PDB file of N, CA and C in Angstrom:
ATOM      1  N   MET A   1      93.996 -85.557   6.064  1.00  0.00           N
ATOM      2  CA  MET A   1      94.074 -84.162   5.645  1.00  0.00           C
ATOM      3  C   MET A   1      95.326 -83.503   6.278  1.00  0.00           C
ATOM      4  N   SER A   2      95.991 -82.753   5.544  1.00  0.00           N
ATOM      5  CA  SER A   2      97.250 -82.136   6.081  1.00  0.00           C
ATOM      6  C   SER A   2      96.908 -81.040   7.072  1.00  0.00           C
ATOM      7  N   LEU A   3      97.831 -80.692   7.855  1.00  0.00           N
ATOM      8  CA  LEU A   3      97.554 -79.733   8.973  1.00  0.00           C
ATOM      9  C   LEU A   3      97.278 -78.305   8.364  1.00  0.00           C
ATOM     10  N   ARG A   4      97.927 -77.982   7.229  1.00  0.00           N
ATOM     11  CA  ARG A   4      97.692 -76.711   6.579  1.00  0.00           C
ATOM     12  C   ARG A   4      96.202 -76.628   6.202  1.00  0.00           C
ATOM     13  N   LYS A   5      95.682 -77.675   5.549  1.00  0.00           N
ATOM     14  CA  LYS A   5      94.294 -77.593   5.145  1.00  0.00           C
ATOM     15  C   LYS A   5      93.345 -77.582   6.356  1.00  0.00           C
ATOM     16  N   GLN A   6      93.696 -78.311   7.442  1.00  0.00           N
ATOM     17  CA  GLN A   6      92.840 -78.231   8.609  1.00  0.00           C
ATOM     18  C   GLN A   6      92.849 -76.856   9.238  1.00  0.00           C
ATOM     19  N   ILE A   7      93.975 -76.165   9.267  1.00  0.00           N
ATOM     20  CA  ILE A   7      94.046 -74.779   9.770  1.00  0.00           C
ATOM     21  C   ILE A   7      93.183 -73.874   8.902  1.00  0.00           C
ATOM     22  N   LEU A   8      93.348 -73.962   7.628  1.00  0.00           N
ATOM     23  CA  LEU A   8      92.581 -73.056   6.731  1.00  0.00           C
ATOM     24  C   LEU A   8      91.058 -73.364   6.889  1.00  0.00           C
ATOM     25  N   LYS A   9      90.674 -74.595   6.976  1.00  0.00           N
ATOM     26  CA  LYS A   9      89.273 -74.953   7.118  1.00  0.00           C
ATOM     27  C   LYS A   9      88.734 -74.408   8.493  1.00  0.00           C
ATOM     28  N   TYR A  10      89.486 -74.531   9.580  1.00  0.00           N
ATOM     29  CA  TYR A  10      89.106 -74.055  10.849  1.00  0.00           C
ATOM     30  C   TYR A  10      88.907 -72.561  10.846  1.00  0.00           C
ATOM     31  N   LEU A  11      89.902 -71.817  10.243  1.00  0.00           N
ATOM     32  CA  LEU A  11      89.809 -70.344  10.244  1.00  0.00           C
ATOM     33  C   LEU A  11      88.662 -69.861   9.350  1.00  0.00           C
ATOM     34  N   GLU A  12      88.386 -70.610   8.294  1.00  0.00           N
ATOM     35  CA  GLU A  12      87.189 -70.239   7.427  1.00  0.00           C
ATOM     36  C   GLU A  12      85.936 -70.375   8.224  1.00  0.00           C
ATOM     37  N   THR A  13      85.724 -71.490   9.025  1.00  0.00           N
ATOM     38  CA  THR A  13      84.516 -71.758   9.707  1.00  0.00           C
ATOM     39  C   THR A  13      84.436 -70.811  10.997  1.00  0.00           C
ATOM     40  N   ALA A  14      85.499 -70.631  11.635  1.00  0.00           N
ATOM     41  CA  ALA A  14      85.523 -69.836  12.897  1.00  0.00           C
ATOM     42  C   ALA A  14      85.497 -68.368  12.681  1.00  0.00           C
ATOM     43  N   GLY A  15      86.111 -67.896  11.637  1.00  0.00           N
ATOM     44  CA  GLY A  15      86.283 -66.444  11.385  1.00  0.00           C
ATOM     45  C   GLY A  15      87.609 -65.905  11.775  1.00  0.00           C
ATOM     46  N   GLY A  16      88.134 -66.429  12.913  1.00  0.00           N
ATOM     47  CA  GLY A  16      89.444 -66.018  13.344  1.00  0.00           C
ATOM     48  C   GLY A  16      89.701 -66.752  14.603  1.00  0.00           C
ATOM     49  N   ALA A  17      91.016 -66.793  15.031  1.00  0.00           N
ATOM     50  CA  ALA A  17      91.438 -67.501  16.210  1.00  0.00           C
ATOM     51  C   ALA A  17      92.829 -67.233  16.522  1.00  0.00           C
ATOM     52  N   THR A  18      93.210 -67.481  17.810  1.00  0.00           N
ATOM     53  CA  THR A  18      94.656 -67.471  18.201  1.00  0.00           C
ATOM     54  C   THR A  18      95.277 -68.787  17.951  1.00  0.00           C
ATOM     55  N   ASN A  19      96.558 -68.832  18.026  1.00  0.00           N
ATOM     56  CA  ASN A  19      97.218 -70.087  17.729  1.00  0.00           C
ATOM     57  C   ASN A  19      96.836 -71.135  18.721  1.00  0.00           C
ATOM     58  N   TYR A  20      96.614 -70.709  19.989  1.00  0.00           N
ATOM     59  CA  TYR A  20      96.260 -71.620  21.128  1.00  0.00           C
ATOM     60  C   TYR A  20      94.842 -72.227  20.811  1.00  0.00           C
ATOM     61  N   GLU A  21      93.965 -71.445  20.302  1.00  0.00           N
ATOM     62  CA  GLU A  21      92.558 -71.955  19.972  1.00  0.00           C
ATOM     63  C   GLU A  21      92.668 -72.926  18.801  1.00  0.00           C
ATOM     64  N   ILE A  22      93.434 -72.676  17.882  1.00  0.00           N
ATOM     65  CA  ILE A  22      93.635 -73.572  16.700  1.00  0.00           C
ATOM     66  C   ILE A  22      94.263 -74.873  17.182  1.00  0.00           C
ATOM     67  N   ALA A  23      95.297 -74.799  17.999  1.00  0.00           N
ATOM     68  CA  ALA A  23      95.916 -75.976  18.505  1.00  0.00           C
ATOM     69  C   ALA A  23      94.953 -76.832  19.381  1.00  0.00           C
ATOM     70  N   GLU A  24      94.100 -76.179  20.167  1.00  0.00           N
ATOM     71  CA  GLU A  24      93.186 -76.908  21.008  1.00  0.00           C
ATOM     72  C   GLU A  24      92.139 -77.571  20.203  1.00  0.00           C
ATOM     73  N   ALA A  25      91.727 -76.899  19.109  1.00  0.00           N
ATOM     74  CA  ALA A  25      90.614 -77.589  18.277  1.00  0.00           C
ATOM     75  C   ALA A  25      91.159 -78.676  17.449  1.00  0.00           C
ATOM     76  N   LEU A  26      92.459 -78.526  16.992  1.00  0.00           N
ATOM     77  CA  LEU A  26      92.965 -79.585  16.100  1.00  0.00           C
ATOM     78  C   LEU A  26      93.712 -80.671  16.852  1.00  0.00           C
ATOM     79  N   GLY A  27      93.980 -80.424  18.179  1.00  0.00           N
ATOM     80  CA  GLY A  27      94.679 -81.441  18.953  1.00  0.00           C
ATOM     81  C   GLY A  27      96.243 -81.522  18.727  1.00  0.00           C
ATOM     82  N   VAL A  28      96.822 -80.441  18.351  1.00  0.00           N
ATOM     83  CA  VAL A  28      98.318 -80.397  18.189  1.00  0.00           C
ATOM     84  C   VAL A  28      98.849 -79.287  19.070  1.00  0.00           C
ATOM     85  N   ASP A  29     100.224 -79.178  19.036  1.00  0.00           N
ATOM     86  CA  ASP A  29     100.913 -78.207  19.968  1.00  0.00           C
ATOM     87  C   ASP A  29     100.837 -76.815  19.314  1.00  0.00           C
ATOM     88  N   ALA A  30     100.720 -75.797  20.125  1.00  0.00           N
ATOM     89  CA  ALA A  30     100.624 -74.405  19.634  1.00  0.00           C
ATOM     90  C   ALA A  30     101.798 -73.953  18.946  1.00  0.00           C
ATOM     91  N   THR A  31     102.996 -74.361  19.346  1.00  0.00           N
ATOM     92  CA  THR A  31     104.197 -74.007  18.595  1.00  0.00           C
ATOM     93  C   THR A  31     104.279 -74.581  17.247  1.00  0.00           C
ATOM     94  N   HIS A  32     103.735 -75.796  17.117  1.00  0.00           N
ATOM     95  CA  HIS A  32     103.655 -76.405  15.722  1.00  0.00           C
ATOM     96  C   HIS A  32     102.659 -75.670  14.889  1.00  0.00           C
ATOM     97  N   VAL A  33     101.561 -75.189  15.376  1.00  0.00           N
ATOM     98  CA  VAL A  33     100.566 -74.392  14.689  1.00  0.00           C
ATOM     99  C   VAL A  33     101.248 -73.173  14.240  1.00  0.00           C
ATOM    100  N   SER A  34     101.964 -72.439  15.120  1.00  0.00           N
ATOM    101  CA  SER A  34     102.642 -71.197  14.739  1.00  0.00           C
ATOM    102  C   SER A  34     103.655 -71.411  13.609  1.00  0.00           C
ATOM    103  N   LYS A  35     104.348 -72.450  13.663  1.00  0.00           N
ATOM    104  CA  LYS A  35     105.345 -72.733  12.661  1.00  0.00           C
ATOM    105  C   LYS A  35     104.669 -72.978  11.280  1.00  0.00           C
ATOM    106  N   VAL A  36     103.614 -73.806  11.297  1.00  0.00           N
ATOM    107  CA  VAL A  36     102.920 -74.089  10.066  1.00  0.00           C
ATOM    108  C   VAL A  36     102.263 -72.823   9.441  1.00  0.00           C
ATOM    109  N   ILE A  37     101.709 -71.982  10.323  1.00  0.00           N
ATOM    110  CA  ILE A  37     101.058 -70.706   9.782  1.00  0.00           C
ATOM    111  C   ILE A  37     102.093 -69.826   9.243  1.00  0.00           C
ATOM    112  N   HIS A  38     103.239 -69.720   9.857  1.00  0.00           N
ATOM    113  CA  HIS A  38     104.362 -68.954   9.258  1.00  0.00           C
ATOM    114  C   HIS A  38     104.821 -69.431   7.935  1.00  0.00           C
ATOM    115  N   GLU A  39     104.822 -70.736   7.785  1.00  0.00           N
ATOM    116  CA  GLU A  39     105.224 -71.351   6.556  1.00  0.00           C
ATOM    117  C   GLU A  39     104.182 -71.130   5.431  1.00  0.00           C
ATOM    118  N   MET A  40     102.982 -70.928   5.778  1.00  0.00           N
ATOM    119  CA  MET A  40     101.854 -70.802   4.811  1.00  0.00           C
ATOM    120  C   MET A  40     101.876 -69.472   4.155  1.00  0.00           C
ATOM    121  N   GLY A  41     102.561 -68.469   4.676  1.00  0.00           N
ATOM    122  CA  GLY A  41     102.707 -67.179   4.055  1.00  0.00           C
ATOM    123  C   GLY A  41     101.387 -66.396   4.018  1.00  0.00           C
ATOM    124  N   ASP A  42     101.037 -65.923   2.866  1.00  0.00           N
ATOM    125  CA  ASP A  42      99.843 -64.988   2.650  1.00  0.00           C
ATOM    126  C   ASP A  42      98.527 -65.753   2.692  1.00  0.00           C
ATOM    127  N   ALA A  43      98.530 -67.063   2.797  1.00  0.00           N
ATOM    128  CA  ALA A  43      97.226 -67.774   2.795  1.00  0.00           C
ATOM    129  C   ALA A  43      96.459 -67.470   4.100  1.00  0.00           C
ATOM    130  N   VAL A  44      97.223 -67.226   5.181  1.00  0.00           N
ATOM    131  CA  VAL A  44      96.579 -66.864   6.471  1.00  0.00           C
ATOM    132  C   VAL A  44      97.142 -65.425   6.844  1.00  0.00           C
ATOM    133  N   LYS A  45      96.296 -64.553   7.160  1.00  0.00           N
ATOM    134  CA  LYS A  45      96.658 -63.186   7.540  1.00  0.00           C
ATOM    135  C   LYS A  45      96.614 -63.103   9.075  1.00  0.00           C
ATOM    136  N   ARG A  46      97.412 -62.212   9.605  1.00  0.00           N
ATOM    137  CA  ARG A  46      97.453 -62.067  11.030  1.00  0.00           C
ATOM    138  C   ARG A  46      97.198 -60.669  11.435  1.00  0.00           C
ATOM    139  N   PHE A  47      96.614 -60.495  12.645  1.00  0.00           N
ATOM    140  CA  PHE A  47      96.256 -59.229  13.147  1.00  0.00           C
ATOM    141  C   PHE A  47      96.954 -59.077  14.545  1.00  0.00           C
ATOM    142  N   ASP A  48      97.782 -57.987  14.638  1.00  0.00           N
ATOM    143  CA  ASP A  48      98.583 -57.781  15.892  1.00  0.00           C
ATOM    144  C   ASP A  48      97.649 -57.266  16.964  1.00  0.00           C
ATOM    145  N   VAL A  49      97.580 -57.944  18.103  1.00  0.00           N
ATOM    146  CA  VAL A  49      96.696 -57.524  19.260  1.00  0.00           C
ATOM    147  C   VAL A  49      97.395 -56.772  20.354  1.00  0.00           C
ATOM    148  N   THR A  50      98.668 -56.530  20.215  1.00  0.00           N
ATOM    149  CA  THR A  50      99.349 -55.816  21.216  1.00  0.00           C
ATOM    150  C   THR A  50      99.219 -54.288  21.083  1.00  0.00           C
ATOM    151  N   PHE A  51      99.206 -53.529  22.157  1.00  0.00           N
ATOM    152  CA  PHE A  51      99.170 -52.155  22.031  1.00  0.00           C
ATOM    153  C   PHE A  51      99.853 -51.562  23.280  1.00  0.00           C
ATOM    154  N   ARG A  52     100.258 -50.370  23.177  1.00  0.00           N
ATOM    155  CA  ARG A  52     100.993 -49.658  24.278  1.00  0.00           C
ATOM    156  C   ARG A  52     100.003 -48.878  25.070  1.00  0.00           C
ATOM    157  N   SER A  53      99.877 -49.166  26.358  1.00  0.00           N
ATOM    158  CA  SER A  53      99.054 -48.460  27.267  1.00  0.00           C
ATOM    159  C   SER A  53      99.712 -47.213  27.714  1.00  0.00           C
ATOM    160  N   ARG A  54      99.146 -46.059  27.475  1.00  0.00           N
ATOM    161  CA  ARG A  54      99.753 -44.784  27.939  1.00  0.00           C
ATOM    162  C   ARG A  54      99.630 -44.685  29.415  1.00  0.00           C
ATOM    163  N   ARG A  55      98.431 -45.034  29.894  1.00  0.00           N
ATOM    164  CA  ARG A  55      98.184 -44.903  31.392  1.00  0.00           C
ATOM    165  C   ARG A  55      99.111 -45.838  32.199  1.00  0.00           C
ATOM    166  N   LEU A  56      99.202 -47.156  31.780  1.00  0.00           N
ATOM    167  CA  LEU A  56     100.011 -48.071  32.591  1.00  0.00           C
ATOM    168  C   LEU A  56     101.510 -48.116  32.087  1.00  0.00           C
ATOM    169  N   ARG A  57     101.732 -47.520  30.957  1.00  0.00           N
ATOM    170  CA  ARG A  57     103.077 -47.500  30.333  1.00  0.00           C
ATOM    171  C   ARG A  57     103.682 -48.851  30.124  1.00  0.00           C
ATOM    172  N   GLN A  58     102.865 -49.751  29.625  1.00  0.00           N
ATOM    173  CA  GLN A  58     103.364 -51.078  29.320  1.00  0.00           C
ATOM    174  C   GLN A  58     102.615 -51.621  28.192  1.00  0.00           C
ATOM    175  N   THR A  59     103.111 -52.692  27.544  1.00  0.00           N
ATOM    176  CA  THR A  59     102.482 -53.293  26.427  1.00  0.00           C
ATOM    177  C   THR A  59     101.390 -54.226  26.938  1.00  0.00           C
ATOM    178  N   LYS A  60     100.140 -54.083  26.399  1.00  0.00           N
ATOM    179  CA  LYS A  60      98.988 -54.843  26.821  1.00  0.00           C
ATOM    180  C   LYS A  60      98.595 -55.776  25.619  1.00  0.00           C
ATOM    181  N   TRP A  61      97.822 -56.820  25.907  1.00  0.00           N
ATOM    182  CA  TRP A  61      97.255 -57.679  24.928  1.00  0.00           C
ATOM    183  C   TRP A  61      95.791 -57.466  24.810  1.00  0.00           C
ATOM    184  N   PHE A  62      95.205 -57.205  23.739  1.00  0.00           N
ATOM    185  CA  PHE A  62      93.830 -56.869  23.510  1.00  0.00           C
ATOM    186  C   PHE A  62      93.007 -58.195  23.225  1.00  0.00           C
ATOM    187  N   GLY A  63      91.995 -58.345  23.986  1.00  0.00           N
ATOM    188  CA  GLY A  63      91.059 -59.467  23.698  1.00  0.00           C
ATOM    189  C   GLY A  63      91.424 -60.848  24.004  1.00  0.00           C
ATOM    190  N   THR A  64      92.530 -61.103  24.710  1.00  0.00           N
ATOM    191  CA  THR A  64      92.994 -62.439  25.033  1.00  0.00           C
ATOM    192  C   THR A  64      93.675 -62.431  26.358  1.00  0.00           C
ATOM    193  N   ARG A  65      93.575 -63.551  27.072  1.00  0.00           N
ATOM    194  CA  ARG A  65      94.088 -63.620  28.375  1.00  0.00           C
ATOM    195  C   ARG A  65      95.523 -64.306  28.281  1.00  0.00           C
ATOM    196  N   LYS A  66      95.680 -65.234  27.360  1.00  0.00           N
ATOM    197  CA  LYS A  66      96.993 -65.872  27.159  1.00  0.00           C
ATOM    198  C   LYS A  66      97.884 -64.812  26.389  1.00  0.00           C
ATOM    199  N   GLY A  67      99.165 -65.047  26.491  1.00  0.00           N
ATOM    200  CA  GLY A  67     100.136 -64.131  25.916  1.00  0.00           C
ATOM    201  C   GLY A  67     100.340 -64.275  24.454  1.00  0.00           C
ATOM    202  N   THR A  68      99.343 -64.649  23.659  1.00  0.00           N
ATOM    203  CA  THR A  68      99.448 -64.703  22.253  1.00  0.00           C
ATOM    204  C   THR A  68      99.406 -63.312  21.623  1.00  0.00           C
ATOM    205  N   ARG A  69     100.251 -63.098  20.623  1.00  0.00           N
ATOM    206  CA  ARG A  69     100.376 -61.799  20.036  1.00  0.00           C
ATOM    207  C   ARG A  69      99.495 -61.503  18.833  1.00  0.00           C
ATOM    208  N   TYR A  70      99.100 -62.524  18.159  1.00  0.00           N
ATOM    209  CA  TYR A  70      98.307 -62.345  16.905  1.00  0.00           C
ATOM    210  C   TYR A  70      97.023 -63.154  16.902  1.00  0.00           C
ATOM    211  N   PHE A  71      96.029 -62.534  16.249  1.00  0.00           N
ATOM    212  CA  PHE A  71      94.812 -63.273  15.805  1.00  0.00           C
ATOM    213  C   PHE A  71      95.012 -63.681  14.365  1.00  0.00           C
ATOM    214  N   TYR A  72      94.719 -64.848  13.999  1.00  0.00           N
ATOM    215  CA  TYR A  72      94.858 -65.274  12.602  1.00  0.00           C
ATOM    216  C   TYR A  72      93.449 -65.379  11.933  1.00  0.00           C
ATOM    217  N   TYR A  73      93.415 -65.054  10.651  1.00  0.00           N
ATOM    218  CA  TYR A  73      92.110 -65.188   9.936  1.00  0.00           C
ATOM    219  C   TYR A  73      92.410 -65.348   8.377  1.00  0.00           C
ATOM    220  N   VAL A  74      91.334 -65.691   7.677  1.00  0.00           N
ATOM    221  CA  VAL A  74      91.443 -65.894   6.255  1.00  0.00           C
ATOM    222  C   VAL A  74      90.606 -64.844   5.545  1.00  0.00           C
ATOM    223  N   ASP A  75      89.340 -64.700   5.951  1.00  0.00           N
ATOM    224  CA  ASP A  75      88.348 -63.800   5.353  1.00  0.00           C
ATOM    225  C   ASP A  75      88.222 -62.545   6.211  1.00  0.00           C
ATOM    226  N   ARG A  76      88.463 -61.350   5.702  1.00  0.00           N
ATOM    227  CA  ARG A  76      88.481 -60.159   6.463  1.00  0.00           C
ATOM    228  C   ARG A  76      87.166 -59.888   7.091  1.00  0.00           C
ATOM    229  N   LYS A  77      86.041 -60.046   6.242  1.00  0.00           N
ATOM    230  CA  LYS A  77      84.697 -59.684   6.754  1.00  0.00           C
ATOM    231  C   LYS A  77      84.292 -60.644   7.910  1.00  0.00           C
ATOM    232  N   ARG A  78      84.576 -61.872   7.693  1.00  0.00           N
ATOM    233  CA  ARG A  78      84.170 -62.813   8.837  1.00  0.00           C
ATOM    234  C   ARG A  78      85.007 -62.563  10.068  1.00  0.00           C
ATOM    235  N   PHE A  79      86.228 -62.143   9.826  1.00  0.00           N
ATOM    236  CA  PHE A  79      87.204 -61.749  11.001  1.00  0.00           C
ATOM    237  C   PHE A  79      86.647 -60.592  11.809  1.00  0.00           C
ATOM    238  N   VAL A  80      86.131 -59.569  11.068  1.00  0.00           N
ATOM    239  CA  VAL A  80      85.557 -58.394  11.713  1.00  0.00           C
ATOM    240  C   VAL A  80      84.453 -58.756  12.570  1.00  0.00           C
ATOM    241  N   GLU A  81      83.517 -59.555  12.136  1.00  0.00           N
ATOM    242  CA  GLU A  81      82.409 -60.032  12.842  1.00  0.00           C
ATOM    243  C   GLU A  81      82.885 -60.857  14.093  1.00  0.00           C
ATOM    244  N   TRP A  82      83.813 -61.766  13.931  1.00  0.00           N
ATOM    245  CA  TRP A  82      84.448 -62.560  14.954  1.00  0.00           C
ATOM    246  C   TRP A  82      85.052 -61.716  16.054  1.00  0.00           C
ATOM    247  N   LEU A  83      85.814 -60.602  15.648  1.00  0.00           N
ATOM    248  CA  LEU A  83      86.401 -59.750  16.520  1.00  0.00           C
ATOM    249  C   LEU A  83      85.413 -58.983  17.353  1.00  0.00           C
ATOM    250  N   ALA A  84      84.278 -58.637  16.732  1.00  0.00           N
ATOM    251  CA  ALA A  84      83.315 -57.915  17.485  1.00  0.00           C
ATOM    252  C   ALA A  84      82.624 -58.785  18.543  1.00  0.00           C
ATOM    253  N   ARG A  85      82.433 -60.114  18.229  1.00  0.00           N
ATOM    254  CA  ARG A  85      81.981 -61.024  19.247  1.00  0.00           C
ATOM    255  C   ARG A  85      83.009 -61.276  20.396  1.00  0.00           C
ATOM    256  N   ARG A  86      84.316 -61.156  20.068  1.00  0.00           N
ATOM    257  CA  ARG A  86      85.355 -61.422  21.000  1.00  0.00           C
ATOM    258  C   ARG A  86      85.525 -60.283  21.977  1.00  0.00           C
ATOM    259  N   ILE A  87      85.320 -59.094  21.563  1.00  0.00           N
ATOM    260  CA  ILE A  87      85.634 -57.898  22.442  1.00  0.00           C
ATOM    261  C   ILE A  87      84.650 -57.886  23.583  1.00  0.00           C
ATOM    262  N   ARG A  88      85.280 -57.698  24.761  1.00  0.00           N
ATOM    263  CA  ARG A  88      84.528 -57.558  25.959  1.00  0.00           C
ATOM    264  C   ARG A  88      85.062 -56.266  26.724  1.00  0.00           C
ATOM    265  N   VAL A  89      84.295 -55.172  26.634  1.00  0.00           N
ATOM    266  CA  VAL A  89      84.768 -53.942  27.247  1.00  0.00           C
ATOM    267  C   VAL A  89      83.587 -53.173  27.849  1.00  0.00           C
ATOM    268  N   ARG A  90      83.942 -52.261  28.642  1.00  0.00           N
ATOM    269  CA  ARG A  90      82.827 -51.392  29.246  1.00  0.00           C
ATOM    270  C   ARG A  90      82.860 -50.038  28.481  1.00  0.00           C
ATOM    271  N   ASN A  91      84.069 -49.554  28.134  1.00  0.00           N
ATOM    272  CA  ASN A  91      84.231 -48.279  27.496  1.00  0.00           C
ATOM    273  C   ASN A  91      84.369 -48.437  26.048  1.00  0.00           C
ATOM    274  N   LEU A  92      83.358 -48.064  25.340  1.00  0.00           N
ATOM    275  CA  LEU A  92      83.365 -48.257  23.835  1.00  0.00           C
ATOM    276  C   LEU A  92      84.295 -47.159  23.145  1.00  0.00           C
ATOM    277  N   ARG A  93      84.557 -46.108  23.859  1.00  0.00           N
ATOM    278  CA  ARG A  93      85.450 -45.059  23.296  1.00  0.00           C
ATOM    279  C   ARG A  93      86.889 -45.577  23.106  1.00  0.00           C
ATOM    280  N   SER A  94      87.291 -46.381  24.074  1.00  0.00           N
ATOM    281  CA  SER A  94      88.694 -46.939  23.887  1.00  0.00           C
ATOM    282  C   SER A  94      88.736 -47.927  22.760  1.00  0.00           C
ATOM    283  N   VAL A  95      87.629 -48.611  22.490  1.00  0.00           N
ATOM    284  CA  VAL A  95      87.627 -49.584  21.399  1.00  0.00           C
ATOM    285  C   VAL A  95      87.681 -48.830  20.069  1.00  0.00           C
ATOM    286  N   SER A  96      86.968 -47.780  19.911  1.00  0.00           N
ATOM    287  CA  SER A  96      86.983 -47.035  18.636  1.00  0.00           C
ATOM    288  C   SER A  96      88.361 -46.468  18.354  1.00  0.00           C
ATOM    289  N   THR A  97      88.992 -46.021  19.423  1.00  0.00           N
ATOM    290  CA  THR A  97      90.396 -45.471  19.236  1.00  0.00           C
ATOM    291  C   THR A  97      91.315 -46.576  18.872  1.00  0.00           C
ATOM    292  N   PHE A  98      91.159 -47.759  19.468  1.00  0.00           N
ATOM    293  CA  PHE A  98      91.997 -48.899  19.218  1.00  0.00           C
ATOM    294  C   PHE A  98      91.871 -49.291  17.719  1.00  0.00           C
ATOM    295  N   LEU A  99      90.656 -49.417  17.309  1.00  0.00           N
ATOM    296  CA  LEU A  99      90.303 -49.793  15.925  1.00  0.00           C
ATOM    297  C   LEU A  99      90.819 -48.860  14.920  1.00  0.00           C
ATOM    298  N   ARG A 100      90.740 -47.558  15.225  1.00  0.00           N
ATOM    299  CA  ARG A 100      91.275 -46.511  14.301  1.00  0.00           C
ATOM    300  C   ARG A 100      92.693 -46.688  14.078  1.00  0.00           C
ATOM    301  N   HIS A 101      93.475 -47.053  15.136  1.00  0.00           N
ATOM    302  CA  HIS A 101      94.894 -47.191  15.047  1.00  0.00           C
ATOM    303  C   HIS A 101      95.343 -48.539  14.466  1.00  0.00           C
ATOM    304  N   ARG A 102      94.428 -49.409  14.266  1.00  0.00           N
ATOM    305  CA  ARG A 102      94.770 -50.729  13.786  1.00  0.00           C
ATOM    306  C   ARG A 102      94.505 -50.890  12.278  1.00  0.00           C
ATOM    307  N   GLY A 103      94.136 -49.876  11.597  1.00  0.00           N
ATOM    308  CA  GLY A 103      93.936 -49.933  10.104  1.00  0.00           C
ATOM    309  C   GLY A 103      92.646 -50.483   9.609  1.00  0.00           C
ATOM    310  N   PHE A 104      91.628 -50.498  10.405  1.00  0.00           N
ATOM    311  CA  PHE A 104      90.293 -50.832   9.995  1.00  0.00           C
ATOM    312  C   PHE A 104      89.740 -49.736   9.146  1.00  0.00           C
ATOM    313  N   THR A 105      88.953 -50.083   8.093  1.00  0.00           N
ATOM    314  CA  THR A 105      88.275 -49.092   7.316  1.00  0.00           C
ATOM    315  C   THR A 105      87.122 -48.474   8.132  1.00  0.00           C
ATOM    316  N   ARG A 106      86.518 -47.462   7.640  1.00  0.00           N
ATOM    317  CA  ARG A 106      85.476 -46.821   8.379  1.00  0.00           C
ATOM    318  C   ARG A 106      84.241 -47.763   8.423  1.00  0.00           C
ATOM    319  N   GLU A 107      83.979 -48.428   7.327  1.00  0.00           N
ATOM    320  CA  GLU A 107      82.872 -49.382   7.342  1.00  0.00           C
ATOM    321  C   GLU A 107      83.058 -50.526   8.376  1.00  0.00           C
ATOM    322  N   GLU A 108      84.221 -51.005   8.465  1.00  0.00           N
ATOM    323  CA  GLU A 108      84.517 -52.072   9.376  1.00  0.00           C
ATOM    324  C   GLU A 108      84.404 -51.649  10.815  1.00  0.00           C
ATOM    325  N   ARG A 109      84.877 -50.404  11.107  1.00  0.00           N
ATOM    326  CA  ARG A 109      84.739 -49.823  12.444  1.00  0.00           C
ATOM    327  C   ARG A 109      83.263 -49.598  12.805  1.00  0.00           C
ATOM    328  N   LYS A 110      82.451 -49.104  11.832  1.00  0.00           N
ATOM    329  CA  LYS A 110      81.027 -48.936  12.055  1.00  0.00           C
ATOM    330  C   LYS A 110      80.373 -50.285  12.385  1.00  0.00           C
ATOM    331  N   LEU A 111      80.717 -51.306  11.651  1.00  0.00           N
ATOM    332  CA  LEU A 111      80.119 -52.652  11.872  1.00  0.00           C
ATOM    333  C   LEU A 111      80.455 -53.161  13.234  1.00  0.00           C
ATOM    334  N   ILE A 112      81.645 -53.037  13.626  1.00  0.00           N
ATOM    335  CA  ILE A 112      82.122 -53.540  14.954  1.00  0.00           C
ATOM    336  C   ILE A 112      81.383 -52.759  15.995  1.00  0.00           C
ATOM    337  N   MET A 113      81.368 -51.461  15.925  1.00  0.00           N
ATOM    338  CA  MET A 113      80.648 -50.634  17.014  1.00  0.00           C
ATOM    339  C   MET A 113      79.172 -50.881  17.072  1.00  0.00           C
ATOM    340  N   ARG A 114      78.559 -51.152  15.893  1.00  0.00           N
ATOM    341  CA  ARG A 114      77.104 -51.500  15.881  1.00  0.00           C
ATOM    342  C   ARG A 114      76.855 -52.830  16.547  1.00  0.00           C
ATOM    343  N   LEU A 115      77.704 -53.832  16.278  1.00  0.00           N
ATOM    344  CA  LEU A 115      77.538 -55.082  16.955  1.00  0.00           C
ATOM    345  C   LEU A 115      77.728 -55.049  18.469  1.00  0.00           C
ATOM    346  N   LEU A 116      78.810 -54.136  18.914  1.00  0.00           N
ATOM    347  CA  LEU A 116      79.027 -54.054  20.282  1.00  0.00           C
ATOM    348  C   LEU A 116      77.891 -53.325  21.025  1.00  0.00           C
ATOM    349  N   ARG A 117      77.366 -52.220  20.353  1.00  0.00           N
ATOM    350  CA  ARG A 117      76.229 -51.535  21.005  1.00  0.00           C
ATOM    351  C   ARG A 117      74.951 -52.420  21.021  1.00  0.00           C
ATOM    352  N   ALA A 118      74.759 -53.240  20.057  1.00  0.00           N
ATOM    353  CA  ALA A 118      73.617 -54.136  20.057  1.00  0.00           C
ATOM    354  C   ALA A 118      73.719 -55.205  21.232  1.00  0.00           C
ATOM    355  N   ARG A 119      74.953 -55.589  21.475  1.00  0.00           N
ATOM    356  CA  ARG A 119      75.150 -56.581  22.500  1.00  0.00           C
ATOM    357  C   ARG A 119      74.999 -56.012  23.937  1.00  0.00           C
ATOM    358  N   ARG A 120      75.248 -54.708  24.020  1.00  0.00           N
ATOM    359  CA  ARG A 120      75.206 -54.105  25.378  1.00  0.00           C
ATOM    360  C   ARG A 120      73.849 -53.920  25.873  1.00  0.00           C
ATOM    361  N   ARG A 121      72.817 -53.897  24.944  1.00  0.00           N
ATOM    362  CA  ARG A 121      71.423 -53.666  25.331  1.00  0.00           C
ATOM    363  C   ARG A 121      70.769 -54.822  25.973  1.00  0.00           C
TER     364      ARG A 121
END
């Protein structure tokens, strides 16, 4: 099976991932995964995880410890659920502001916040 098909299959089953997670799961180099995803074009969508912190006055990465800049996904609905599982925060207000500025629809924001509130209990 080609690497493109493996990446698509992994993203469909996982819901979303960083290029490091895809590389680790498939056993290839992360830069190779990034190159193949870039060549795939619109088959794989990407979500920018960087944001500018007003308080710290620097660029921060949301939801990841490694310096990866994008989350990749195929299906938007599964990606929203994956992102809700991925978020680890104490302050839900900052999450709602972040989501509003990232272009999520109102229904998607409600779903993420509902999943986060359910997990906090």
